[in-house]
Structures are given as C-alpha cells and as structure tokens.
Amino acid sequence: MQGGQKKRRLSIIFLTALGAESEIMKGYETGCDDYVVKPFSIRHLYAKSLALLKRAKGGNGSEALSCGAITLNSHTMTVTVNGKEADIKSKEYFLLLFLLENKNATLSRERILNRVWGDNLDVNDRIVDITISRLRTELGDASKQIKTVIGRGYRITED
C-alpha cells in the first residue's frame, strides 16, 4: 500500500431467486459474503448488511441507540420502551432509527422521506405524518418523545 492508504474490504451479498443448494454453494465459492434468496424481507436484508458492515469495521454487533425510554438495537433490529420490547413495523423501525441517529435535530418531512422511502415515487410527504402517527402508537407512553416542529418536521428528544 502506498502513501498510508488503508486496504478496504468489499462485502458482497447475492440477492437472487436461485435457491437450490448447488446455486448457493456456487455463490459462496465465487466469493460472496452472504446469499439471500427472494422473496426476502427488507428487515432481513438490513440485518445482514449491518452484520457485514460491523464485521468489516471490527465491531461487536451490539450497537444500541437510546433516547429517554426508547432503545433501538440495530444488530437485533429490536426496539424496547422502558425495557419492554415493542412491536415495531418495518417503515416505523427505519423512521425511528433515522430519528435516533439525529437525536435532538429537527428533520424535515422531505429529508425523512428521502432517507426512509428512498426513490419510491409513489409516495408523498404526508406518508411521513401517517408513519409518525403509527410509530407514536407503537411507542405508547414514550411517544411524547417525538416532537412535531410545526412547519419544519419532527425531532426526537429525551423527554
């Protein structure tokens, strides 16, 4: 390596409809780090991706984000409120993750939409309000930690 450059390791996940054992083995022999057969849930793919990233960084996989009564473990993809596991659906999970990654910052609907829904052209910014409402329901008493900043967006705080 020249000039102090670090060698980076590329992780590869095969996403395929080919689920026969011979195809899976061929994928691993080719050099993939993981092999996911369609259909798969986005949570499953996200968890596998996080695990590969943590391994590449040398992490122990026990990353948790907390804010007040809410704790999100990105390794196990679980959310707890006051120590009790909450049943959080996929979009609500990724919305909460984004809020927790930006604790105390006001996030606009557009920014949330871009991060959580990506390039999905079939949605508008009102879906953010609906998903926030569902997330608040799922969080119970801790829902008051998600603040509406009128005309600007949403923010999560300790109280």
N, C-alpha and C. Protein backbone atom coordinates (compact mmCIF):
# COMPACT_ATOMS: atom_id res chain seq x y z
N MET A 1 0.84 -1.18 0.00
CA MET A 1 0.00 0.00 0.00
C MET A 1 0.88 1.23 0.00
N GLN A 2 0.47 2.20 -0.76
CA GLN A 2 1.28 3.40 -0.91
C GLN A 2 0.70 4.57 -0.13
N GLY A 3 1.56 5.42 0.34
CA GLY A 3 1.15 6.68 0.94
C GLY A 3 0.20 6.55 2.12
N GLY A 4 0.30 5.48 2.90
CA GLY A 4 -0.53 5.32 4.08
C GLY A 4 -1.98 4.95 3.78
N GLN A 5 -2.27 4.53 2.55
CA GLN A 5 -3.64 4.14 2.22
C GLN A 5 -3.99 2.83 2.90
N LYS A 6 -5.22 2.78 3.40
CA LYS A 6 -5.71 1.55 4.01
C LYS A 6 -6.36 0.69 2.94
N LYS A 7 -6.16 -0.59 3.05
CA LYS A 7 -6.82 -1.52 2.14
C LYS A 7 -8.25 -1.71 2.63
N ARG A 8 -9.22 -1.52 1.74
CA ARG A 8 -10.62 -1.68 2.09
C ARG A 8 -11.11 -3.04 1.62
N ARG A 9 -11.94 -3.65 2.43
CA ARG A 9 -12.53 -4.93 2.08
C ARG A 9 -13.95 -4.70 1.62
N LEU A 10 -14.28 -5.23 0.47
CA LEU A 10 -15.61 -5.09 -0.10
C LEU A 10 -16.44 -6.29 0.30
N SER A 11 -17.64 -6.05 0.85
CA SER A 11 -18.56 -7.13 1.21
C SER A 11 -19.58 -7.29 0.09
N ILE A 12 -19.89 -8.54 -0.23
CA ILE A 12 -20.82 -8.83 -1.32
C ILE A 12 -21.95 -9.71 -0.82
N ILE A 13 -23.18 -9.26 -1.08
CA ILE A 13 -24.37 -10.05 -0.77
C ILE A 13 -25.05 -10.38 -2.10
N PHE A 14 -25.26 -11.66 -2.37
CA PHE A 14 -26.01 -12.06 -3.55
C PHE A 14 -27.50 -12.01 -3.22
N LEU A 15 -28.28 -11.31 -4.04
CA LEU A 15 -29.74 -11.28 -3.93
C LEU A 15 -30.26 -11.98 -5.17
N THR A 16 -30.90 -13.12 -5.00
CA THR A 16 -31.24 -13.93 -6.15
C THR A 16 -32.49 -14.78 -5.92
N ALA A 17 -33.06 -15.25 -7.00
CA ALA A 17 -34.19 -16.18 -6.92
C ALA A 17 -33.69 -17.62 -6.94
N LEU A 18 -32.41 -17.81 -7.17
CA LEU A 18 -31.83 -19.16 -7.26
C LEU A 18 -31.54 -19.69 -5.86
N GLY A 19 -32.41 -20.59 -5.38
CA GLY A 19 -32.30 -21.05 -4.01
C GLY A 19 -31.85 -22.48 -3.84
N ALA A 20 -31.50 -23.16 -4.92
CA ALA A 20 -31.02 -24.55 -4.80
C ALA A 20 -29.67 -24.56 -4.09
N GLU A 21 -29.43 -25.60 -3.32
CA GLU A 21 -28.18 -25.68 -2.56
C GLU A 21 -26.96 -25.55 -3.46
N SER A 22 -27.02 -26.14 -4.64
CA SER A 22 -25.87 -26.04 -5.57
C SER A 22 -25.61 -24.59 -5.98
N GLU A 23 -26.69 -23.81 -6.20
CA GLU A 23 -26.54 -22.41 -6.57
C GLU A 23 -25.97 -21.59 -5.41
N ILE A 24 -26.46 -21.87 -4.22
CA ILE A 24 -25.96 -21.17 -3.02
C ILE A 24 -24.48 -21.46 -2.83
N MET A 25 -24.10 -22.73 -2.95
CA MET A 25 -22.68 -23.10 -2.79
C MET A 25 -21.82 -22.44 -3.86
N LYS A 26 -22.35 -22.37 -5.09
CA LYS A 26 -21.63 -21.71 -6.18
C LYS A 26 -21.41 -20.24 -5.84
N GLY A 27 -22.43 -19.61 -5.24
CA GLY A 27 -22.30 -18.21 -4.84
C GLY A 27 -21.19 -18.01 -3.83
N TYR A 28 -21.16 -18.86 -2.81
CA TYR A 28 -20.10 -18.75 -1.79
C TYR A 28 -18.73 -19.07 -2.38
N GLU A 29 -18.67 -20.04 -3.28
CA GLU A 29 -17.39 -20.37 -3.94
C GLU A 29 -16.90 -19.21 -4.79
N THR A 30 -17.83 -18.45 -5.35
CA THR A 30 -17.49 -17.29 -6.18
C THR A 30 -16.95 -16.15 -5.33
N GLY A 31 -17.28 -16.16 -4.04
CA GLY A 31 -16.72 -15.15 -3.15
C GLY A 31 -17.71 -14.26 -2.44
N CYS A 32 -19.00 -14.57 -2.49
CA CYS A 32 -19.94 -13.71 -1.78
C CYS A 32 -19.79 -13.91 -0.27
N ASP A 33 -20.17 -12.87 0.47
CA ASP A 33 -20.13 -12.94 1.93
C ASP A 33 -21.44 -13.45 2.50
N ASP A 34 -22.52 -13.25 1.76
CA ASP A 34 -23.82 -13.74 2.18
C ASP A 34 -24.67 -13.95 0.94
N TYR A 35 -25.69 -14.77 1.09
CA TYR A 35 -26.53 -15.17 -0.04
C TYR A 35 -27.98 -15.11 0.42
N VAL A 36 -28.78 -14.25 -0.20
CA VAL A 36 -30.17 -14.06 0.20
C VAL A 36 -31.07 -14.44 -0.98
N VAL A 37 -32.01 -15.34 -0.72
CA VAL A 37 -32.91 -15.82 -1.76
C VAL A 37 -34.24 -15.07 -1.69
N LYS A 38 -34.73 -14.64 -2.86
CA LYS A 38 -36.04 -13.98 -2.94
C LYS A 38 -37.14 -15.00 -2.71
N PRO A 39 -38.25 -14.61 -2.13
CA PRO A 39 -38.53 -13.30 -1.55
C PRO A 39 -37.86 -13.17 -0.18
N PHE A 40 -37.51 -11.97 0.18
CA PHE A 40 -36.90 -11.70 1.48
C PHE A 40 -37.49 -10.42 2.03
N SER A 41 -37.44 -10.27 3.34
CA SER A 41 -37.94 -9.02 3.94
C SER A 41 -36.81 -8.00 3.97
N ILE A 42 -37.17 -6.76 3.90
CA ILE A 42 -36.19 -5.69 3.94
C ILE A 42 -35.45 -5.69 5.28
N ARG A 43 -36.15 -6.07 6.37
CA ARG A 43 -35.52 -6.15 7.69
C ARG A 43 -34.42 -7.21 7.70
N HIS A 44 -34.69 -8.33 7.05
CA HIS A 44 -33.72 -9.41 6.97
C HIS A 44 -32.47 -8.94 6.22
N LEU A 45 -32.67 -8.30 5.07
CA LEU A 45 -31.55 -7.79 4.28
C LEU A 45 -30.79 -6.72 5.06
N TYR A 46 -31.51 -5.84 5.73
CA TYR A 46 -30.87 -4.79 6.52
C TYR A 46 -30.01 -5.38 7.64
N ALA A 47 -30.55 -6.37 8.34
CA ALA A 47 -29.80 -7.00 9.42
C ALA A 47 -28.53 -7.67 8.90
N LYS A 48 -28.62 -8.35 7.78
CA LYS A 48 -27.45 -8.99 7.19
C LYS A 48 -26.42 -7.94 6.76
N SER A 49 -26.90 -6.85 6.19
CA SER A 49 -26.00 -5.78 5.76
C SER A 49 -25.28 -5.16 6.96
N LEU A 50 -26.02 -4.91 8.03
CA LEU A 50 -25.39 -4.36 9.24
C LEU A 50 -24.34 -5.29 9.80
N ALA A 51 -24.65 -6.58 9.82
CA ALA A 51 -23.69 -7.56 10.34
C ALA A 51 -22.40 -7.55 9.51
N LEU A 52 -22.54 -7.48 8.20
CA LEU A 52 -21.34 -7.45 7.35
C LEU A 52 -20.54 -6.17 7.56
N LEU A 53 -21.24 -5.05 7.68
CA LEU A 53 -20.55 -3.78 7.92
C LEU A 53 -19.81 -3.79 9.26
N LYS A 54 -20.44 -4.32 10.28
CA LYS A 54 -19.80 -4.37 11.60
C LYS A 54 -18.59 -5.28 11.59
N ARG A 55 -18.72 -6.42 10.90
CA ARG A 55 -17.56 -7.32 10.79
C ARG A 55 -16.43 -6.63 10.07
N ALA A 56 -16.75 -5.91 9.00
CA ALA A 56 -15.72 -5.22 8.23
C ALA A 56 -15.03 -4.13 9.06
N LYS A 57 -15.80 -3.49 9.95
CA LYS A 57 -15.24 -2.45 10.82
C LYS A 57 -14.63 -3.01 12.09
N GLY A 58 -14.83 -4.30 12.34
CA GLY A 58 -14.32 -4.90 13.57
C GLY A 58 -15.21 -4.67 14.76
N GLY A 59 -16.49 -4.34 14.52
CA GLY A 59 -17.42 -4.08 15.61
C GLY A 59 -17.92 -5.36 16.24
N ASN A 60 -18.50 -5.24 17.43
CA ASN A 60 -19.00 -6.41 18.15
C ASN A 60 -20.48 -6.66 17.92
N GLY A 61 -21.14 -5.77 17.14
CA GLY A 61 -22.53 -6.01 16.79
C GLY A 61 -23.53 -5.71 17.89
N SER A 62 -23.15 -4.96 18.92
CA SER A 62 -24.08 -4.68 20.00
C SER A 62 -24.44 -3.20 20.05
N GLU A 63 -24.56 -2.60 18.87
CA GLU A 63 -24.85 -1.17 18.82
C GLU A 63 -26.30 -0.90 19.17
N ALA A 64 -26.48 -0.03 20.14
CA ALA A 64 -27.83 0.38 20.54
C ALA A 64 -27.87 1.90 20.57
N LEU A 65 -28.98 2.44 20.10
CA LEU A 65 -29.23 3.86 20.17
C LEU A 65 -30.33 4.07 21.19
N SER A 66 -30.12 5.02 22.10
CA SER A 66 -31.11 5.26 23.15
C SER A 66 -31.47 6.72 23.22
N CYS A 67 -32.69 6.95 23.61
CA CYS A 67 -33.18 8.30 23.85
C CYS A 67 -34.33 8.17 24.83
N GLY A 68 -34.11 8.65 26.05
CA GLY A 68 -35.14 8.55 27.07
C GLY A 68 -35.52 7.10 27.31
N ALA A 69 -36.79 6.78 27.19
CA ALA A 69 -37.30 5.44 27.45
C ALA A 69 -37.11 4.48 26.28
N ILE A 70 -36.67 5.01 25.12
CA ILE A 70 -36.59 4.22 23.89
C ILE A 70 -35.16 3.74 23.64
N THR A 71 -35.02 2.44 23.34
CA THR A 71 -33.73 1.88 22.94
C THR A 71 -33.94 1.07 21.68
N LEU A 72 -33.11 1.32 20.68
CA LEU A 72 -33.15 0.59 19.42
C LEU A 72 -31.83 -0.14 19.26
N ASN A 73 -31.87 -1.45 19.13
CA ASN A 73 -30.68 -2.25 18.91
C ASN A 73 -30.62 -2.57 17.42
N SER A 74 -29.67 -1.94 16.72
CA SER A 74 -29.61 -2.12 15.27
C SER A 74 -29.06 -3.48 14.87
N HIS A 75 -28.42 -4.17 15.79
CA HIS A 75 -27.92 -5.52 15.48
C HIS A 75 -29.06 -6.53 15.48
N THR A 76 -29.91 -6.47 16.48
CA THR A 76 -31.03 -7.41 16.57
C THR A 76 -32.30 -6.86 15.95
N MET A 77 -32.26 -5.58 15.55
CA MET A 77 -33.40 -4.88 14.97
C MET A 77 -34.61 -4.92 15.89
N THR A 78 -34.36 -4.67 17.17
CA THR A 78 -35.44 -4.64 18.15
C THR A 78 -35.51 -3.25 18.78
N VAL A 79 -36.71 -2.92 19.24
CA VAL A 79 -36.95 -1.66 19.93
C VAL A 79 -37.55 -1.99 21.28
N THR A 80 -37.01 -1.37 22.33
CA THR A 80 -37.60 -1.53 23.66
C THR A 80 -38.01 -0.16 24.19
N VAL A 81 -39.10 -0.17 24.92
CA VAL A 81 -39.59 1.03 25.60
C VAL A 81 -39.66 0.68 27.07
N ASN A 82 -38.88 1.41 27.88
CA ASN A 82 -38.78 1.11 29.32
C ASN A 82 -38.44 -0.36 29.56
N GLY A 83 -37.55 -0.90 28.71
CA GLY A 83 -37.08 -2.28 28.88
C GLY A 83 -37.99 -3.35 28.32
N LYS A 84 -39.17 -2.97 27.82
CA LYS A 84 -40.11 -3.94 27.27
C LYS A 84 -40.11 -3.83 25.75
N GLU A 85 -39.99 -4.99 25.06
CA GLU A 85 -39.91 -4.97 23.60
C GLU A 85 -41.21 -4.47 22.99
N ALA A 86 -41.06 -3.57 22.02
CA ALA A 86 -42.21 -3.02 21.29
C ALA A 86 -42.29 -3.68 19.92
N ASP A 87 -43.51 -3.85 19.44
CA ASP A 87 -43.73 -4.45 18.13
C ASP A 87 -43.74 -3.34 17.09
N ILE A 88 -42.57 -3.10 16.49
CA ILE A 88 -42.41 -2.01 15.54
C ILE A 88 -42.34 -2.59 14.12
N LYS A 89 -43.17 -2.06 13.24
CA LYS A 89 -43.17 -2.50 11.84
C LYS A 89 -41.98 -1.91 11.09
N SER A 90 -41.74 -2.40 9.89
CA SER A 90 -40.55 -2.07 9.12
C SER A 90 -40.34 -0.57 8.89
N LYS A 91 -41.29 0.12 8.28
CA LYS A 91 -41.09 1.55 7.99
C LYS A 91 -40.97 2.36 9.27
N GLU A 92 -41.76 2.01 10.28
CA GLU A 92 -41.68 2.70 11.55
C GLU A 92 -40.30 2.49 12.19
N TYR A 93 -39.76 1.28 12.05
CA TYR A 93 -38.42 0.98 12.59
C TYR A 93 -37.38 1.89 11.94
N PHE A 94 -37.38 1.97 10.60
CA PHE A 94 -36.37 2.76 9.90
C PHE A 94 -36.56 4.26 10.15
N LEU A 95 -37.79 4.68 10.33
CA LEU A 95 -38.06 6.08 10.69
C LEU A 95 -37.50 6.37 12.09
N LEU A 96 -37.76 5.48 13.04
CA LEU A 96 -37.23 5.65 14.39
C LEU A 96 -35.71 5.63 14.39
N LEU A 97 -35.12 4.73 13.62
CA LEU A 97 -33.66 4.67 13.51
C LEU A 97 -33.11 6.02 13.03
N PHE A 98 -33.72 6.58 12.00
CA PHE A 98 -33.26 7.86 11.47
C PHE A 98 -33.41 8.98 12.50
N LEU A 99 -34.53 8.99 13.22
CA LEU A 99 -34.72 9.99 14.27
C LEU A 99 -33.65 9.84 15.36
N LEU A 100 -33.39 8.60 15.79
CA LEU A 100 -32.41 8.37 16.85
C LEU A 100 -30.99 8.70 16.40
N GLU A 101 -30.68 8.44 15.14
CA GLU A 101 -29.36 8.80 14.62
C GLU A 101 -29.17 10.32 14.61
N ASN A 102 -30.27 11.05 14.63
CA ASN A 102 -30.23 12.51 14.59
C ASN A 102 -30.95 13.11 15.80
N LYS A 103 -30.73 12.49 16.96
CA LYS A 103 -31.40 12.90 18.20
C LYS A 103 -31.26 14.42 18.40
N ASN A 104 -32.38 15.04 18.78
CA ASN A 104 -32.49 16.47 19.07
C ASN A 104 -32.42 17.37 17.83
N ALA A 105 -32.24 16.79 16.65
CA ALA A 105 -32.22 17.58 15.42
C ALA A 105 -33.62 17.54 14.78
N THR A 106 -34.04 18.66 14.23
CA THR A 106 -35.31 18.70 13.52
C THR A 106 -35.08 18.20 12.10
N LEU A 107 -35.85 17.17 11.73
CA LEU A 107 -35.74 16.57 10.40
C LEU A 107 -36.97 16.92 9.59
N SER A 108 -36.78 17.48 8.42
CA SER A 108 -37.91 17.85 7.57
C SER A 108 -38.58 16.59 7.02
N ARG A 109 -39.83 16.74 6.63
CA ARG A 109 -40.56 15.63 6.01
C ARG A 109 -39.81 15.14 4.78
N GLU A 110 -39.31 16.08 3.99
CA GLU A 110 -38.59 15.72 2.76
C GLU A 110 -37.34 14.89 3.06
N ARG A 111 -36.61 15.31 4.06
CA ARG A 111 -35.39 14.56 4.43
C ARG A 111 -35.74 13.16 4.93
N ILE A 112 -36.78 13.07 5.75
CA ILE A 112 -37.24 11.76 6.24
C ILE A 112 -37.71 10.90 5.07
N LEU A 113 -38.48 11.49 4.19
CA LEU A 113 -38.99 10.78 3.02
C LEU A 113 -37.85 10.22 2.18
N ASN A 114 -36.84 11.04 1.92
CA ASN A 114 -35.70 10.59 1.12
C ASN A 114 -34.94 9.45 1.80
N ARG A 115 -34.78 9.53 3.10
CA ARG A 115 -34.00 8.51 3.81
C ARG A 115 -34.78 7.22 4.00
N VAL A 116 -36.03 7.30 4.41
CA VAL A 116 -36.79 6.10 4.76
C VAL A 116 -37.45 5.45 3.54
N TRP A 117 -37.93 6.26 2.59
CA TRP A 117 -38.61 5.71 1.42
C TRP A 117 -37.74 5.71 0.18
N GLY A 118 -36.62 6.43 0.21
CA GLY A 118 -35.70 6.44 -0.92
C GLY A 118 -36.32 6.99 -2.18
N ASP A 119 -36.13 6.27 -3.27
CA ASP A 119 -36.57 6.72 -4.58
C ASP A 119 -37.99 6.29 -4.93
N ASN A 120 -38.76 5.87 -3.96
CA ASN A 120 -40.13 5.42 -4.22
C ASN A 120 -40.96 6.62 -4.65
N LEU A 121 -41.31 6.67 -5.93
CA LEU A 121 -42.02 7.82 -6.48
C LEU A 121 -43.52 7.78 -6.19
N ASP A 122 -44.00 6.68 -5.62
CA ASP A 122 -45.43 6.52 -5.37
C ASP A 122 -45.87 7.09 -4.02
N VAL A 123 -45.01 7.80 -3.32
CA VAL A 123 -45.38 8.34 -2.01
C VAL A 123 -45.15 9.85 -1.99
N ASN A 124 -45.87 10.53 -1.08
CA ASN A 124 -45.63 11.96 -0.88
C ASN A 124 -45.34 12.20 0.59
N ASP A 125 -45.05 13.45 0.93
CA ASP A 125 -44.61 13.74 2.30
C ASP A 125 -45.66 13.50 3.37
N ARG A 126 -46.92 13.35 3.01
CA ARG A 126 -47.97 13.05 4.00
C ARG A 126 -47.79 11.66 4.60
N ILE A 127 -47.13 10.75 3.86
CA ILE A 127 -46.89 9.41 4.38
C ILE A 127 -46.00 9.48 5.63
N VAL A 128 -45.17 10.51 5.71
CA VAL A 128 -44.32 10.69 6.90
C VAL A 128 -45.20 10.93 8.11
N ASP A 129 -46.21 11.79 7.98
CA ASP A 129 -47.12 12.08 9.10
C ASP A 129 -47.87 10.82 9.54
N ILE A 130 -48.32 10.05 8.57
CA ILE A 130 -49.06 8.82 8.88
C ILE A 130 -48.15 7.83 9.61
N THR A 131 -46.92 7.70 9.13
CA THR A 131 -45.97 6.76 9.75
C THR A 131 -45.56 7.23 11.13
N ILE A 132 -45.38 8.53 11.31
CA ILE A 132 -45.09 9.08 12.65
C ILE A 132 -46.23 8.73 13.59
N SER A 133 -47.46 8.89 13.13
CA SER A 133 -48.64 8.57 13.95
C SER A 133 -48.63 7.10 14.37
N ARG A 134 -48.35 6.20 13.41
CA ARG A 134 -48.28 4.77 13.73
C ARG A 134 -47.15 4.48 14.71
N LEU A 135 -46.00 5.12 14.49
CA LEU A 135 -44.86 4.92 15.38
C LEU A 135 -45.20 5.37 16.80
N ARG A 136 -45.84 6.51 16.92
CA ARG A 136 -46.25 7.00 18.24
C ARG A 136 -47.16 6.00 18.93
N THR A 137 -48.09 5.42 18.19
CA THR A 137 -48.99 4.41 18.76
C THR A 137 -48.19 3.22 19.27
N GLU A 138 -47.23 2.76 18.48
CA GLU A 138 -46.43 1.59 18.85
C GLU A 138 -45.51 1.88 20.05
N LEU A 139 -45.12 3.15 20.25
CA LEU A 139 -44.23 3.50 21.35
C LEU A 139 -44.98 3.75 22.66
N GLY A 140 -46.28 3.85 22.60
CA GLY A 140 -47.06 4.05 23.82
C GLY A 140 -46.69 5.34 24.53
N ASP A 141 -46.41 5.24 25.85
CA ASP A 141 -46.09 6.42 26.66
C ASP A 141 -44.86 7.18 26.17
N ALA A 142 -43.93 6.48 25.53
CA ALA A 142 -42.71 7.13 25.04
C ALA A 142 -42.96 7.96 23.78
N SER A 143 -44.17 7.91 23.26
CA SER A 143 -44.49 8.64 22.02
C SER A 143 -44.30 10.14 22.19
N LYS A 144 -44.41 10.63 23.41
CA LYS A 144 -44.26 12.07 23.65
C LYS A 144 -42.83 12.55 23.38
N GLN A 145 -41.90 11.62 23.24
CA GLN A 145 -40.52 11.99 22.92
C GLN A 145 -40.37 12.45 21.47
N ILE A 146 -41.30 12.08 20.60
CA ILE A 146 -41.27 12.53 19.22
C ILE A 146 -42.06 13.82 19.14
N LYS A 147 -41.38 14.88 18.87
CA LYS A 147 -41.98 16.22 18.84
C LYS A 147 -42.27 16.63 17.40
N THR A 148 -43.41 17.28 17.21
CA THR A 148 -43.74 17.90 15.93
C THR A 148 -43.24 19.33 15.98
N VAL A 149 -42.42 19.71 15.03
CA VAL A 149 -41.95 21.08 14.93
C VAL A 149 -42.74 21.69 13.77
N ILE A 150 -43.75 22.46 14.13
CA ILE A 150 -44.72 22.97 13.14
C ILE A 150 -44.01 23.71 12.01
N GLY A 151 -44.37 23.28 10.80
CA GLY A 151 -43.82 23.89 9.59
C GLY A 151 -42.41 23.45 9.25
N ARG A 152 -41.80 22.61 10.09
CA ARG A 152 -40.41 22.22 9.83
C ARG A 152 -40.19 20.72 9.82
N GLY A 153 -40.91 19.93 10.64
CA GLY A 153 -40.70 18.50 10.63
C GLY A 153 -40.86 17.86 12.00
N TYR A 154 -39.96 16.93 12.30
CA TYR A 154 -40.03 16.15 13.53
C TYR A 154 -38.66 16.04 14.18
N ARG A 155 -38.70 15.81 15.51
CA ARG A 155 -37.47 15.64 16.27
C ARG A 155 -37.75 14.69 17.43
N ILE A 156 -36.74 13.92 17.83
CA ILE A 156 -36.88 13.06 19.00
C ILE A 156 -35.99 13.61 20.10
N THR A 157 -36.54 13.65 21.32
CA THR A 157 -35.81 14.20 22.47
C THR A 157 -35.90 13.24 23.66
N GLU A 158 -35.12 13.51 24.67
CA GLU A 158 -35.08 12.66 25.87
C GLU A 158 -36.40 12.66 26.63
N ASP A 159 -37.11 13.78 26.60
CA ASP A 159 -38.36 13.88 27.39
C ASP A 159 -39.58 14.05 26.52
